[in-house]
Structure formats: C-alpha cells, structure tokens
Protein backbone atom coordinates (compact mmCIF):
# COMPACT_ATOMS: atom_id res chain seq x y z
CA MET A 1 50.35 -32.15 -111.66
CA LYS A 2 48.14 -34.91 -111.11
CA GLU A 3 49.64 -36.11 -108.00
CA ARG A 4 49.62 -32.60 -106.83
CA LEU A 5 46.20 -32.29 -107.49
CA LYS A 6 45.23 -35.41 -105.38
CA GLU A 7 47.08 -34.83 -102.55
CA LEU A 8 46.25 -30.90 -102.37
CA ARG A 9 42.45 -32.85 -102.27
CA GLU A 10 43.06 -34.80 -99.55
CA THR A 11 44.64 -32.41 -97.66
CA SER A 12 42.40 -29.67 -98.00
CA LEU A 13 39.36 -31.93 -97.29
CA ALA A 14 40.66 -32.74 -94.09
CA ALA A 15 41.63 -29.37 -92.81
CA ILE A 16 38.05 -28.35 -93.83
CA HIS A 17 36.63 -30.97 -91.93
CA SER A 18 38.53 -30.34 -88.64
CA ALA A 19 37.85 -26.27 -88.93
CA GLU A 20 36.31 -25.55 -85.52
CA ASN A 21 34.26 -22.19 -86.76
CA THR A 22 33.39 -20.29 -89.48
CA ALA A 23 36.05 -17.96 -89.01
CA ALA A 24 38.43 -20.76 -89.67
CA LEU A 25 36.91 -22.05 -92.52
CA GLU A 26 37.27 -19.04 -94.34
CA GLN A 27 40.81 -18.50 -93.69
CA LEU A 28 41.13 -22.11 -95.31
CA ARG A 29 38.81 -21.10 -98.31
CA VAL A 30 41.24 -18.18 -99.10
CA LYS A 31 44.15 -20.32 -98.41
CA TYR A 32 42.64 -23.23 -101.16
CA LEU A 33 40.44 -21.10 -103.41
CA GLY A 34 41.52 -17.27 -102.97
CA LYS A 35 43.28 -15.44 -105.44
CA LYS A 36 46.74 -16.70 -104.27
CA GLY A 37 45.64 -20.02 -102.85
CA GLU A 38 47.08 -23.30 -103.58
CA LEU A 39 44.63 -24.38 -106.36
CA THR A 40 45.05 -21.11 -108.09
CA ALA A 41 48.62 -21.23 -107.76
CA LEU A 42 48.29 -24.79 -109.61
CA LEU A 43 46.24 -24.00 -112.17
CA LYS A 44 48.87 -21.24 -113.06
CA GLN A 45 50.89 -23.98 -114.36
CA MET A 46 48.41 -25.34 -117.03
CA GLY A 47 50.41 -23.80 -119.52
CA ARG A 48 53.56 -26.00 -119.04
CA LEU A 49 51.53 -29.01 -119.93
CA SER A 50 51.03 -30.30 -123.20
CA ALA A 51 47.99 -29.95 -125.44
CA GLU A 52 46.86 -33.82 -124.93
CA GLU A 53 47.06 -33.36 -120.95
CA ARG A 54 45.18 -29.59 -120.53
CA PRO A 55 41.88 -31.32 -120.95
CA VAL A 56 42.42 -33.92 -118.59
CA MET A 57 43.97 -32.00 -115.74
CA GLY A 58 41.75 -29.24 -116.37
CA GLN A 59 38.65 -31.41 -115.81
CA LEU A 60 40.55 -32.70 -112.32
CA ALA A 61 41.00 -29.62 -111.58
CA ASN A 62 37.45 -28.48 -111.99
CA GLU A 63 36.22 -31.53 -110.20
CA VAL A 64 38.94 -30.67 -106.97
CA ARG A 65 37.50 -27.15 -106.90
CA SER A 66 33.71 -28.43 -106.76
CA ALA A 67 34.58 -30.85 -103.91
CA LEU A 68 35.96 -28.05 -101.88
CA GLU A 69 33.49 -25.53 -102.60
CA ASP A 70 30.94 -28.09 -101.71
CA THR A 71 32.34 -29.51 -98.47
CA LEU A 72 33.17 -25.85 -97.46
CA GLU A 73 29.35 -24.76 -97.66
CA GLN A 74 28.53 -27.81 -96.11
CA CYS A 75 30.87 -27.50 -92.62
CA ARG A 76 29.41 -23.49 -92.68
CA ILE A 77 26.08 -24.76 -92.51
CA ARG A 78 27.17 -27.23 -89.60
CA LEU A 79 29.13 -25.27 -87.80
CA GLU A 80 26.76 -22.22 -88.03
CA GLU A 81 24.15 -24.46 -86.46
CA GLN A 82 26.40 -25.54 -83.80
CA ALA A 83 27.21 -22.29 -83.05
CA LEU A 84 23.54 -21.22 -82.68
CA ALA A 85 23.04 -24.45 -80.41
CA ARG A 86 25.42 -23.45 -78.12
CA ARG A 87 24.08 -19.63 -78.12
CA LEU A 88 20.46 -20.92 -77.32
CA GLU A 89 21.82 -23.35 -74.52
CA ALA A 90 24.13 -20.15 -73.35
CA GLU A 91 20.61 -17.87 -73.55
CA ALA A 92 18.24 -20.17 -72.20
CA LEU A 93 15.45 -18.37 -70.10
CA ASP A 94 13.70 -20.53 -67.64
CA VAL A 95 10.13 -19.21 -67.52
CA THR A 96 9.15 -21.22 -64.55
CA ILE A 97 12.20 -19.07 -62.79
CA PRO A 98 10.33 -16.58 -59.93
CA GLY A 99 11.18 -13.07 -61.61
CA GLU A 100 12.74 -10.35 -59.33
CA THR A 101 10.77 -8.25 -57.82
CA HIS A 102 11.41 -4.31 -58.28
CA THR A 103 9.46 -2.32 -55.52
CA PRO A 104 8.09 0.90 -57.30
CA GLY A 105 9.36 4.44 -55.45
CA HIS A 106 7.09 7.16 -54.45
CA ARG A 107 7.46 10.76 -53.57
CA HIS A 108 9.41 11.58 -50.41
CA PRO A 109 7.06 12.64 -47.37
CA MET A 110 8.36 16.22 -47.53
CA TYR A 111 7.43 16.66 -50.92
CA ILE A 112 4.32 14.60 -50.88
CA VAL A 113 3.49 18.11 -48.25
CA LEU A 114 5.06 20.60 -50.76
CA ASP A 115 2.87 19.17 -53.54
CA GLU A 116 -0.10 19.67 -51.25
CA ILE A 117 1.30 23.39 -50.39
CA GLU A 118 1.52 23.97 -53.92
CA ARG A 119 -1.77 22.86 -55.28
CA ILE A 120 -3.33 24.94 -51.80
CA PHE A 121 -1.76 28.01 -52.71
CA ILE A 122 -2.02 27.63 -56.68
CA GLY A 123 -5.98 27.03 -55.88
CA MET A 124 -6.08 30.61 -54.02
CA GLY A 125 -4.24 32.45 -57.47
CA PHE A 126 -0.32 32.02 -55.99
CA SER A 127 2.32 31.32 -58.50
CA VAL A 128 5.26 29.00 -57.88
CA LEU A 129 8.69 30.74 -58.13
CA ASP A 130 12.25 29.20 -57.60
CA GLY A 131 15.52 31.08 -57.19
CA GLY A 132 19.14 30.16 -56.53
CA GLU A 133 20.38 28.66 -53.31
CA VAL A 134 23.82 30.81 -53.49
CA GLU A 135 22.62 34.58 -52.92
CA THR A 136 24.28 37.61 -52.24
CA ALA A 137 24.43 39.48 -48.87
CA ASP A 138 23.16 42.39 -50.55
CA TYR A 139 19.40 40.11 -51.08
CA ASN A 140 19.75 37.87 -48.23
CA PHE A 141 20.30 40.75 -45.82
CA THR A 142 20.59 44.49 -47.03
CA ARG A 143 17.80 44.70 -48.73
CA LEU A 144 15.72 42.98 -46.32
CA ASN A 145 16.56 45.70 -44.16
CA THR A 146 18.76 43.27 -42.12
CA ASP A 147 21.50 45.59 -40.65
CA ASP A 148 25.01 44.71 -40.45
CA ALA A 149 25.23 44.17 -36.91
CA HIS A 150 22.54 41.48 -36.87
CA PRO A 151 23.49 38.46 -35.28
CA ALA A 152 22.30 36.27 -38.34
CA ARG A 153 24.99 37.96 -40.39
CA GLU A 154 27.78 36.73 -37.91
CA TRP A 155 30.06 33.81 -39.47
CA SER A 156 28.75 31.55 -36.91
CA ASP A 157 25.67 31.70 -38.20
CA THR A 158 26.04 31.72 -42.01
CA PHE A 159 27.65 29.94 -44.83
CA TYR A 160 30.19 32.45 -46.42
CA PHE A 161 32.15 31.73 -49.74
CA THR A 162 34.22 35.26 -49.37
CA GLU A 163 35.80 37.11 -47.05
CA ASP A 164 34.36 40.06 -47.22
CA SER A 165 30.98 37.98 -46.15
CA SER A 166 29.31 39.17 -49.77
CA ILE A 167 28.65 35.88 -51.16
CA LEU A 168 26.94 33.07 -49.23
CA LEU A 169 24.18 30.29 -49.10
CA ARG A 170 21.07 31.72 -48.85
CA THR A 171 19.74 31.62 -45.02
CA GLN A 172 16.18 32.06 -46.13
CA THR A 173 14.10 31.73 -48.81
CA SER A 174 13.04 35.49 -48.29
CA PRO A 175 15.36 37.21 -51.02
CA MET A 176 12.57 35.37 -53.37
CA GLN A 177 10.34 38.90 -52.24
CA VAL A 178 13.00 41.19 -53.38
CA HIS A 179 13.43 39.54 -56.81
CA ALA A 180 9.98 38.74 -57.31
CA MET A 181 9.46 42.57 -56.58
CA GLU A 182 11.96 43.75 -59.08
CA SER A 183 10.89 41.34 -61.93
CA ARG A 184 7.09 40.80 -61.65
CA THR A 185 4.36 43.43 -61.92
CA LEU A 186 1.82 44.24 -59.08
CA PRO A 187 -0.31 42.88 -57.68
CA ILE A 188 1.98 39.92 -56.76
CA ARG A 189 0.81 36.51 -55.02
CA MET A 190 3.55 34.04 -55.14
CA ILE A 191 5.29 31.41 -53.24
CA ALA A 192 8.85 30.10 -53.50
CA PRO A 193 9.96 26.83 -52.12
CA GLY A 194 13.58 25.72 -51.97
CA ARG A 195 16.57 24.75 -49.75
CA VAL A 196 18.28 27.15 -47.23
CA TYR A 197 21.20 26.82 -44.71
CA ARG A 198 22.37 28.09 -42.11
CA LYS A 199 24.87 26.77 -39.22
CA ASP A 200 22.57 24.93 -36.50
CA GLU A 201 23.04 22.08 -34.41
CA VAL A 202 21.59 18.60 -35.53
CA ASP A 203 18.44 17.82 -33.38
CA ALA A 204 14.91 16.58 -33.44
CA THR A 205 14.01 19.78 -34.81
CA HIS A 206 17.00 21.46 -36.30
CA SER A 207 19.38 20.94 -39.45
CA PRO A 208 22.37 23.22 -41.14
CA MET A 209 20.01 22.31 -44.23
CA PHE A 210 16.35 22.31 -44.77
CA HIS A 211 13.61 23.60 -46.91
CA GLN A 212 11.68 26.68 -46.73
CA ILE A 213 8.37 27.90 -48.61
CA GLU A 214 8.57 31.97 -48.89
CA GLY A 215 5.43 33.45 -49.35
CA MET A 216 4.36 36.94 -50.35
CA ALA A 217 1.30 38.83 -51.14
CA ILE A 218 1.05 42.71 -52.15
CA ASP A 219 -2.09 44.64 -53.39
CA ARG A 220 -4.05 47.37 -52.52
CA GLY A 221 -5.53 47.22 -49.34
CA VAL A 222 -3.85 44.63 -47.73
CA THR A 223 -3.52 43.51 -44.16
CA MET A 224 -2.81 41.61 -41.25
CA GLY A 225 -6.03 40.18 -41.14
CA ASP A 226 -6.11 38.95 -44.68
CA LEU A 227 -2.22 37.49 -43.46
CA LYS A 228 -3.88 35.45 -40.88
CA GLY A 229 -7.11 34.04 -42.68
CA THR A 230 -5.10 32.88 -45.67
CA LEU A 231 -2.43 30.79 -43.23
CA ASN A 232 -5.09 29.66 -41.29
CA GLU A 233 -6.90 28.36 -44.49
CA VAL A 234 -3.87 26.30 -45.62
CA VAL A 235 -3.03 25.46 -42.33
CA ARG A 236 -6.71 23.98 -41.83
CA ARG A 237 -6.70 22.21 -45.50
CA LEU A 238 -3.31 20.62 -44.66
CA TYR A 239 -3.62 19.28 -41.39
CA GLY A 240 -7.84 19.22 -41.27
CA GLU A 241 -10.61 21.28 -39.62
CA ASN A 242 -9.76 20.71 -36.43
CA THR A 243 -6.35 21.38 -36.14
CA VAL A 244 -5.12 24.26 -33.34
CA THR A 245 -3.00 27.29 -34.31
CA ARG A 246 -2.05 30.46 -32.27
CA PHE A 247 -0.40 33.38 -33.53
CA ARG A 248 2.78 35.35 -31.33
CA PRO A 249 4.24 38.69 -31.54
CA HIS A 250 7.72 38.57 -33.01
CA HIS A 251 10.57 40.33 -34.62
CA PHE A 252 11.70 40.32 -37.82
CA PRO A 253 13.51 43.10 -39.49
CA PHE A 254 11.66 42.63 -43.21
CA THR A 255 7.94 42.90 -41.93
CA GLU A 256 5.72 45.07 -39.46
CA PRO A 257 4.17 43.98 -37.44
CA SER A 258 5.27 40.61 -37.31
CA CYS A 259 4.50 37.29 -35.68
CA GLU A 260 5.08 33.51 -35.47
CA MET A 261 2.52 30.87 -36.04
CA ASP A 262 2.45 27.64 -34.04
CA VAL A 263 0.27 24.88 -34.50
CA GLN A 264 -0.44 22.47 -31.50
CA CYS A 265 1.78 19.39 -31.23
CA HIS A 266 1.10 16.60 -32.98
CA LYS A 267 2.68 14.09 -30.65
CA CYS A 268 1.74 15.40 -27.08
CA GLY A 269 -1.27 17.34 -28.09
CA GLY A 270 -0.31 19.91 -26.01
CA ARG A 271 0.62 18.41 -23.11
CA GLY A 272 4.41 18.83 -23.64
CA CYS A 273 7.02 16.39 -24.66
CA PRO A 274 10.76 16.31 -26.29
CA THR A 275 9.61 16.89 -30.10
CA CYS A 276 8.05 20.26 -28.49
CA LYS A 277 10.47 20.57 -26.08
CA GLY A 278 8.17 20.78 -23.57
CA GLU A 279 5.97 23.63 -24.81
CA GLY A 280 2.80 21.80 -26.10
CA TRP A 281 3.10 23.71 -29.66
CA ILE A 282 5.59 23.80 -32.52
CA GLU A 283 6.35 26.69 -34.74
CA ILE A 284 5.96 26.32 -38.39
CA LEU A 285 6.28 29.99 -39.42
CA GLY A 286 7.23 33.36 -39.40
CA ALA A 287 5.29 35.92 -41.04
CA GLY A 288 4.45 39.77 -40.62
CA MET A 289 3.36 42.79 -42.74
CA ILE A 290 6.05 43.72 -45.54
CA HIS A 291 8.12 46.56 -44.00
CA PRO A 292 7.53 49.65 -45.90
CA LYS A 293 11.40 49.92 -46.41
CA VAL A 294 11.63 46.94 -48.35
CA LEU A 295 8.46 47.86 -50.44
CA GLN A 296 10.48 51.34 -51.10
CA GLY A 297 13.75 49.44 -51.87
CA CYS A 298 11.89 47.98 -54.70
CA GLY A 299 10.16 51.39 -56.13
CA ILE A 300 6.70 50.43 -54.57
CA ASN A 301 4.68 52.99 -53.51
CA THR A 302 3.67 52.34 -49.95
CA ASP A 303 0.77 54.89 -49.75
CA VAL A 304 -1.17 52.63 -52.42
CA TYR A 305 0.10 49.07 -51.67
CA SER A 306 0.81 46.87 -48.92
CA GLY A 307 1.29 43.41 -48.45
CA TRP A 308 2.16 40.50 -46.20
CA ALA A 309 5.12 37.83 -46.43
CA PHE A 310 5.33 34.80 -44.69
CA GLY A 311 8.42 31.76 -44.92
CA MET A 312 7.59 28.23 -43.27
CA GLY A 313 9.62 25.14 -42.78
CA LEU A 314 9.02 22.43 -45.04
CA GLU A 315 10.12 19.73 -42.76
CA ARG A 316 8.41 20.87 -39.57
CA LEU A 317 5.22 20.65 -41.73
CA ALA A 318 6.08 17.46 -42.68
CA LEU A 319 6.48 16.46 -39.12
CA ARG A 320 3.23 17.69 -38.25
CA ARG A 321 1.27 16.24 -41.44
CA PHE A 322 2.58 12.70 -40.87
CA GLN A 323 3.18 12.50 -36.85
CA ILE A 324 7.27 12.40 -37.50
CA SER A 325 8.88 12.81 -34.15
CA ASP A 326 12.19 13.49 -35.32
CA LEU A 327 13.42 15.83 -38.04
CA ARG A 328 16.73 13.77 -38.58
CA LEU A 329 14.26 10.64 -40.22
CA ILE A 330 13.83 13.07 -42.95
CA PHE A 331 17.24 12.94 -44.23
CA GLU A 332 18.71 9.41 -43.24
CA ASN A 333 17.02 7.96 -46.43
CA ASP A 334 16.42 4.95 -44.47
CA VAL A 335 13.99 2.57 -46.46
CA ARG A 336 12.37 1.16 -43.68
CA PHE A 337 11.04 4.60 -42.95
CA LEU A 338 10.38 5.93 -46.34
CA GLU A 339 8.61 2.96 -47.32
CA GLN A 340 5.98 3.57 -44.74
CA PHE A 341 4.79 6.45 -47.01
C-alpha cells in the first residue's frame, strides 16, 4: 500500500501542475480527493492492514492528502492570476485613442414649426387635441356637409379600406371639429395637428401623405373678423411682422363663408417661381365660418353660437419658415439637409 500511495502522489501532483485552467483543476481535485476519489479508495483499504502498519500508512496518507491540497491551492491561485492577466490584456483601454464622435440629434424642421405654432395657439387659450388617422366616411365627409357626389369622395382621390367606402385614411384633420364638438363643452378653442392622406402626385408642393393643423373656435358672437385677426397674428408671430398675407374667397362644404389664406412666396418675393408655380403666393390654409349644418349636426344652437375653423398645411408652413424650395426634402430624411436646422 505504501508503494501505491507514493505512486498516487507522484501522478496526481504531475497532473495538477499540468492543469490549464481552474475548471480542469477542480476535476482533478474531485478525481483524487473527492468522496469517490482515488486517495479515498485507498484509505478504505486500511482495515486490511495489521495493527502495526496502520499508524504508518495513516501518517503517509495524511502527508499525501496535505501535499495534494497545498498544491491544488497554489495552482488555483496561479491559474486565476494568469486568467486575470489575460482578461486585462484583452480588455485593455488605450485612453490616448480619440473616442467616437456622436452627433446629438435635434427636432425635425417640420416639428420645430409645429412646436412654435402650438406655443402660439396655447398662448391664445387654445387646447391641443389628437385624433386617429383611420376615420369613417361619416366623420370625414358626411358630418362635415360633404355630399356623396363630392369629388373628394372618389376612389381616385381617397385611400379607402372597405369596398363600401365607409372606412378610410382621413383626407383632412377636419373630422376633429366634429369629435371636439361632441366631446367638449362650449366655448371651444382647439387645434388638432396630425397626418392626412390623399392620392396626390409627389412634386415640389404635394405629397400623398402630409400634415395638417386643424383649428376651431366656437363661442357667442364669433365673426369672420375674429378668424382673420387670429390667423394674421399667428402668421406674423411665425414669420415676422413684415409678412405679407392675403385672403381669397373660396368654397368648402363645412364652412360658409369660406376663404383661403396665402403668404407671399419666400423664394421669389412675389415675382413668380417654380416653388409658387409662378403665382408669387403660396396657399397655406383654408378657413371660414363653420357651416350652420355642421354645428346643428352636433347639437349646437346656431342662434346663440357661431364659430370659425381652419386647416393649414404644416409642411408648407415649414417651407416658408426655413426658406425651403422643395417639399420632398422634408420627407427624404437626408442628413445633409436635416443637419442644417
């Protein structure tokens, strides 16, 4: 048994010294010193020895165990230090190397203008509302006094979801007028920005998806003069005191009387250019006094209350605000363009 203990000591110490990592070292510990290990198996044979041999073999076995435990601990420390050194080398950080540059983002030019408009209207006592982009034809057309024969209800102009033309992508933010009148108490002063969709061809001033801002005020004694005064003040605050505007008669089913508001072309100063299609003016919104049928359809007494409403194109406001000549630049997300703002 003495020879077997000596042989076990030599082979186990050699194996421990050759271990490549702590996981292999743990396997060797279990192999030699575990409950079913080789040294444990030898010690179980001590009962076969004579009374004189047992103390000698017991002392030798303890020496072997002590040598294995000490060597295991020394190798564990050495392997952990080596692993730490390799990790530090692999994860070394050279603080002299220039870091990566991260350019901070900023608001899109269109939303810069939207924020300005919202601040202007909120300062005038208006609330900002939000609504869904999928709408019913009843809210988008019928309840806004738009009859079934109106060209805007044609499939060639509107994105419909259903064969019966009852569900669609809203063509205007005007349905928010009806939603506001149904859900809010009088008087009402609100704006409602959001996306709208029409089957327009893409050019310098048109897109099949664009943004509108709906606005409405309903109270006692509201007149067309209130509408013009409010819109002129908004445009002056947005573009400057010297901004030139004009109002032209127009027709909308949901307003009576109706008008369109133009601002002088920022590109040519009114002389005529491709941006304004040679007219010298750019239309930015349609407006008018809310049609009595629309008010009555929402249960509002037109003998007591009147109101005005408008819908303005946010992209066109941004074009004028930042002197941009082509609407398509707003949607192309070219960083070279956007970083100018």
